[in-house]
Protein backbone atom coordinates (compact mmCIF):
# COMPACT_ATOMS: atom_id res chain seq x y z
CA MET A 1 -29.50 -27.80 28.87
CA THR A 2 -32.81 -26.00 29.24
CA LYS A 3 -33.82 -23.08 27.06
CA GLN A 4 -33.13 -20.66 29.89
CA LYS A 5 -29.64 -22.04 30.43
CA TRP A 6 -28.85 -21.84 26.69
CA HIS A 7 -30.13 -18.28 26.72
CA LYS A 8 -27.90 -17.38 29.66
CA PHE A 9 -24.87 -19.11 28.11
CA PHE A 10 -25.14 -17.27 24.80
CA ALA A 11 -25.97 -13.97 26.51
CA GLN A 12 -22.84 -14.21 28.69
CA THR A 13 -20.68 -15.26 25.74
CA HIS A 14 -22.00 -12.43 23.59
CA LYS A 15 -21.44 -9.88 26.35
CA TRP A 16 -17.82 -10.82 27.07
CA VAL A 17 -16.83 -11.22 23.45
CA ALA A 18 -18.42 -7.81 22.75
CA LEU A 19 -16.35 -6.28 25.55
CA VAL A 20 -13.13 -7.60 24.01
CA LEU A 21 -13.96 -7.08 20.33
CA GLY A 22 -15.99 -3.89 20.42
CA LEU A 23 -13.19 -1.47 19.58
CA GLN A 24 -11.78 -3.72 16.87
CA LEU A 25 -15.19 -4.13 15.25
CA ILE A 26 -15.51 -0.34 15.18
CA ALA A 27 -12.03 -0.11 13.61
CA TRP A 28 -12.96 -2.67 10.94
CA THR A 29 -16.16 -0.83 10.12
CA ALA A 30 -14.54 2.62 10.09
CA GLY A 31 -11.70 1.28 7.96
CA GLY A 32 -14.17 -0.15 5.48
CA VAL A 33 -15.88 3.24 5.21
CA VAL A 34 -12.61 5.12 4.64
CA MET A 35 -11.21 2.58 2.18
CA SER A 36 -14.42 2.50 0.15
CA TRP A 37 -14.77 6.28 -0.05
CA ILE A 38 -11.26 7.18 -1.22
CA PRO A 39 -10.58 6.18 -4.85
CA LEU A 40 -7.62 3.80 -5.15
CA ASN A 41 -6.10 6.02 -7.84
CA GLU A 42 -5.90 8.89 -5.33
CA ILE A 43 -4.50 6.67 -2.59
CA ARG A 44 -1.63 5.70 -4.88
CA GLY A 45 -1.05 9.36 -5.80
CA ARG A 46 -1.64 8.74 -9.49
CA HIS A 47 -4.06 11.68 -9.70
CA ASN A 48 -1.04 14.00 -9.28
CA ALA A 49 1.30 12.01 -11.53
CA ALA A 50 2.22 13.62 -14.83
CA GLU A 51 1.15 11.56 -17.81
CA GLN A 52 4.20 9.93 -19.30
CA GLU A 53 4.10 9.34 -23.03
CA PRO A 54 5.82 6.14 -24.20
CA MET A 55 9.21 7.19 -25.53
CA ALA A 56 11.58 5.51 -27.91
CA LEU A 57 15.30 5.56 -27.17
CA PRO A 58 16.64 8.99 -28.19
CA VAL A 59 19.54 7.49 -30.20
CA ALA A 60 19.85 4.93 -32.95
CA THR A 61 20.12 1.38 -31.69
CA ASP A 62 23.52 0.97 -33.34
CA ALA A 63 24.83 3.72 -31.04
CA LEU A 64 24.00 1.67 -27.97
CA MET A 65 26.48 -0.68 -26.39
CA THR A 66 25.59 -4.30 -26.98
CA ALA A 67 24.26 -6.43 -24.16
CA PRO A 68 27.47 -8.50 -23.93
CA ALA A 69 29.59 -5.33 -23.80
CA LEU A 70 27.46 -3.87 -21.02
CA ALA A 71 27.45 -7.18 -19.16
CA ALA A 72 31.22 -7.21 -19.30
CA LYS A 73 31.30 -3.91 -17.41
CA ALA A 74 29.01 -5.18 -14.65
CA THR A 75 30.38 -6.02 -11.23
CA GLY A 76 28.99 -9.56 -11.40
CA PRO A 77 27.26 -12.10 -13.65
CA VAL A 78 24.22 -10.56 -15.38
CA THR A 79 20.92 -12.45 -15.60
CA GLN A 80 18.79 -9.73 -17.21
CA LEU A 81 19.34 -6.49 -19.10
CA THR A 82 16.74 -3.89 -20.08
CA TYR A 83 17.19 -0.80 -22.23
CA ARG A 84 15.01 2.24 -21.57
CA ASP A 85 14.89 6.01 -21.67
CA MET A 86 15.48 8.08 -18.51
CA LEU A 87 14.59 11.73 -19.13
CA GLY A 88 16.16 11.66 -22.58
CA THR A 89 19.18 9.57 -21.59
CA PRO A 90 19.35 5.98 -22.88
CA VAL A 91 20.11 3.70 -19.96
CA ALA A 92 20.44 -0.01 -19.32
CA LEU A 93 19.24 -1.67 -16.12
CA LEU A 94 21.28 -4.76 -15.33
CA THR A 95 20.08 -7.40 -12.88
CA LEU A 96 22.93 -9.41 -11.41
CA LYS A 97 22.94 -13.03 -10.30
CA ASP A 98 22.94 -12.04 -6.63
CA GLY A 99 19.74 -10.02 -7.15
CA SER A 100 21.35 -6.59 -7.06
CA ARG A 101 20.92 -4.08 -9.89
CA GLU A 102 23.08 -1.59 -11.72
CA LEU A 103 22.03 1.33 -13.89
CA ARG A 104 24.43 2.29 -16.67
CA ASP A 105 24.54 4.74 -19.55
CA ALA A 106 23.55 2.60 -22.53
CA VAL A 107 25.91 4.46 -24.88
CA THR A 108 29.09 4.71 -22.82
CA GLY A 109 28.53 2.04 -20.16
CA THR A 110 29.25 4.59 -17.44
CA PRO A 111 27.60 3.63 -14.11
CA LEU A 112 24.75 5.93 -13.14
CA SER A 113 23.72 4.22 -9.93
CA PRO A 114 23.53 5.19 -7.21
CA LEU A 115 21.75 8.20 -8.69
CA SER A 116 22.84 11.66 -7.60
CA GLU A 117 20.52 14.11 -5.87
CA ASP A 118 20.26 16.11 -9.09
CA TRP A 119 18.94 13.05 -10.97
CA ALA A 120 16.49 12.30 -8.17
CA ARG A 121 15.17 15.87 -8.27
CA ARG A 122 14.70 15.77 -12.03
CA ILE A 123 12.90 12.41 -11.99
CA ALA A 124 10.55 13.49 -9.19
CA ASP A 125 9.85 16.85 -10.81
CA ALA A 126 9.01 15.17 -14.12
CA ASP A 127 6.64 12.78 -12.34
CA PHE A 128 4.79 15.39 -10.24
CA MET A 129 2.08 17.29 -12.13
CA PRO A 130 1.04 20.13 -9.74
CA GLU A 131 3.11 23.29 -9.56
CA ALA A 132 4.78 23.10 -6.15
CA GLU A 133 8.20 23.78 -4.73
CA MET A 134 10.42 21.00 -3.42
CA ALA A 135 10.61 21.35 0.35
CA SER A 136 13.40 18.83 0.91
CA VAL A 137 15.40 16.02 -0.68
CA THR A 138 16.75 13.26 1.55
CA LEU A 139 18.55 9.99 0.89
CA LEU A 140 16.96 7.52 3.31
CA ASP A 141 18.82 4.48 4.61
CA ARG A 142 16.00 3.37 6.93
CA HIS A 143 12.28 2.81 6.59
CA VAL A 144 9.76 5.49 7.47
CA ILE A 145 5.97 5.32 7.85
CA ASP A 146 5.56 6.48 4.26
CA TYR A 147 7.94 3.97 2.71
CA ARG A 148 8.84 0.38 3.52
CA GLY A 149 10.41 -0.74 0.23
CA PRO A 150 14.02 -1.39 -0.83
CA LEU A 151 16.71 0.90 0.59
CA PRO A 152 18.38 3.28 0.10
CA VAL A 153 15.83 5.56 -1.54
CA TRP A 154 15.55 9.25 -2.36
CA GLN A 155 12.67 11.01 -0.60
CA ILE A 156 11.56 14.19 -2.34
CA THR A 157 9.02 16.24 -0.36
CA PHE A 158 6.83 18.80 -2.14
CA ALA A 159 5.22 21.83 -0.48
CA ASP A 160 1.73 21.10 -1.81
CA GLU A 161 -1.62 20.83 -0.03
CA GLU A 162 -1.39 17.04 0.19
CA ASN A 163 2.17 16.98 1.65
CA THR A 164 3.35 14.75 -1.17
CA ASN A 165 6.46 12.60 -0.85
CA ILE A 166 7.86 11.00 -3.99
CA TYR A 167 10.35 8.16 -3.62
CA VAL A 168 12.96 7.56 -6.31
CA SER A 169 15.12 4.46 -6.45
CA PRO A 170 18.82 5.41 -6.73
CA THR A 171 19.44 1.99 -8.25
CA GLU A 172 16.71 1.83 -10.88
CA GLY A 173 16.28 5.53 -11.62
CA ARG A 174 12.50 5.51 -11.38
CA VAL A 175 9.68 6.49 -9.04
CA VAL A 176 8.91 3.64 -6.62
CA GLY A 177 6.35 5.37 -4.41
CA ARG A 178 4.00 8.34 -4.17
CA ARG A 179 2.67 9.23 -0.73
CA THR A 180 0.07 11.84 0.21
CA ASP A 181 -2.11 12.61 3.23
CA ARG A 182 -4.80 10.40 1.67
CA TRP A 183 -2.37 7.51 1.49
CA ARG A 184 -1.39 8.05 5.11
CA LEU A 185 -5.04 8.05 6.22
CA PHE A 186 -5.67 4.87 4.23
CA ASP A 187 -2.52 3.25 5.60
CA PHE A 188 -3.56 3.99 9.20
CA PHE A 189 -6.93 2.32 8.79
CA TRP A 190 -5.36 -0.52 6.79
CA MET A 191 -3.05 -1.13 9.77
CA LEU A 192 -6.07 -1.29 12.09
CA HIS A 193 -7.94 -3.47 9.61
CA ILE A 194 -5.30 -6.21 9.30
CA MET A 195 -3.96 -5.71 12.86
CA ASP A 196 -0.34 -5.65 11.71
CA TYR A 197 1.04 -2.68 13.63
CA ASP A 198 4.63 -3.03 12.42
CA GLU A 199 5.10 -3.85 8.74
CA ARG A 200 1.40 -3.44 7.87
CA GLU A 201 1.64 -6.20 5.27
CA ASP A 202 0.86 -9.50 7.02
CA PHE A 203 -2.79 -10.29 6.38
CA ASN A 204 -2.47 -13.72 8.00
CA ASN A 205 -0.97 -12.81 11.35
CA PRO A 206 -2.13 -14.81 14.43
CA LEU A 207 -3.70 -11.77 16.13
CA LEU A 208 -5.98 -11.11 13.16
CA MET A 209 -6.89 -14.79 12.82
CA ILE A 210 -7.84 -15.12 16.51
CA THR A 211 -9.79 -11.86 16.45
CA ALA A 212 -11.64 -12.84 13.27
CA LEU A 213 -12.56 -16.21 14.79
CA SER A 214 -13.78 -14.46 17.93
CA ALA A 215 -15.82 -12.05 15.81
CA LEU A 216 -17.45 -15.02 14.12
CA LEU A 217 -18.37 -16.40 17.53
CA PHE A 218 -19.72 -12.98 18.47
CA SER A 219 -21.93 -12.90 15.34
CA ILE A 220 -23.21 -16.44 15.86
CA SER A 221 -24.04 -15.82 19.51
CA GLY A 222 -25.87 -12.65 18.53
CA ILE A 223 -27.96 -14.48 15.94
CA VAL A 224 -28.78 -17.23 18.44
CA LEU A 225 -29.89 -14.61 20.96
CA LEU A 226 -32.43 -13.35 18.43
CA PHE A 227 -34.35 -16.60 18.72
CA PHE A 228 -34.65 -16.07 22.47
CA ARG A 229 -35.65 -12.43 22.19
CA PHE A 230 -38.43 -12.75 19.59
CA TYR A 231 -41.95 -13.83 20.47
CA ARG A 232 -44.84 -14.89 18.25
CA ARG A 233 -46.63 -11.60 18.95
CA ASP A 234 -43.67 -9.71 17.43
CA PHE A 235 -44.70 -11.04 14.02
CA ASN A 236 -48.38 -10.10 14.27
CA PHE A 237 -47.90 -7.16 11.93
CA ILE A 238 -46.58 -9.54 9.26
CA LEU A 239 -49.44 -11.97 9.75
CA GLY A 240 -51.93 -9.13 9.60
CA LYS A 241 -53.14 -9.55 13.17
CA LYS A 242 -54.02 -6.55 15.25
CA LYS A 243 -53.17 -6.23 18.89
CA LYS A 244 -56.10 -6.43 21.25
CA ALA A 245 -57.24 -3.12 22.72
């Protein structure tokens, strides 16, 4: 092919790829700006999380039920057992062979899961540092834009400036998510960035792979076009040559 034909081929390719990819390239660039400007700590809502001091169990260890005794109360074979404190109450989190979990009072063995609304309120309130009223408390049995983790889950909404939602696991008795307007903005651009418009988790989906490959072609064709657009006289200022009057 002659130089003119190569020029025409790459110019046409660049033009049509630009037509298809233009909006996505803008989305990638805008997403990069947003994601680089917002600190990750704020996206995760940690800037509003109350600092939790490491706490020892509030009772003597000999007052706790033994692991075998707690395992005997479980509804299935236990593969793991962890003691911890939950707002001053010693609890044991049991992981069963089928992958499910149970939360029990570590002194009496009484089941605590699924956690009541009162427990969910107390856990969320202890986690949230700003002074703000709770606007609503809802037990979710389906995913929402804010939360796509294990279900069911308690959603506690605060009436603060950032419209904070705190998610508390009724099985584990702990905070499993903090969502604010900053997180929602980040999540929107993350969705556009990875082109997963459903779960927003698949970074290797076919649509993204095809688009990325097309963007590479777009970049290469653009670089090739530079060689056709530049002339020797364009570099006179580098070589120190002056244009003729």
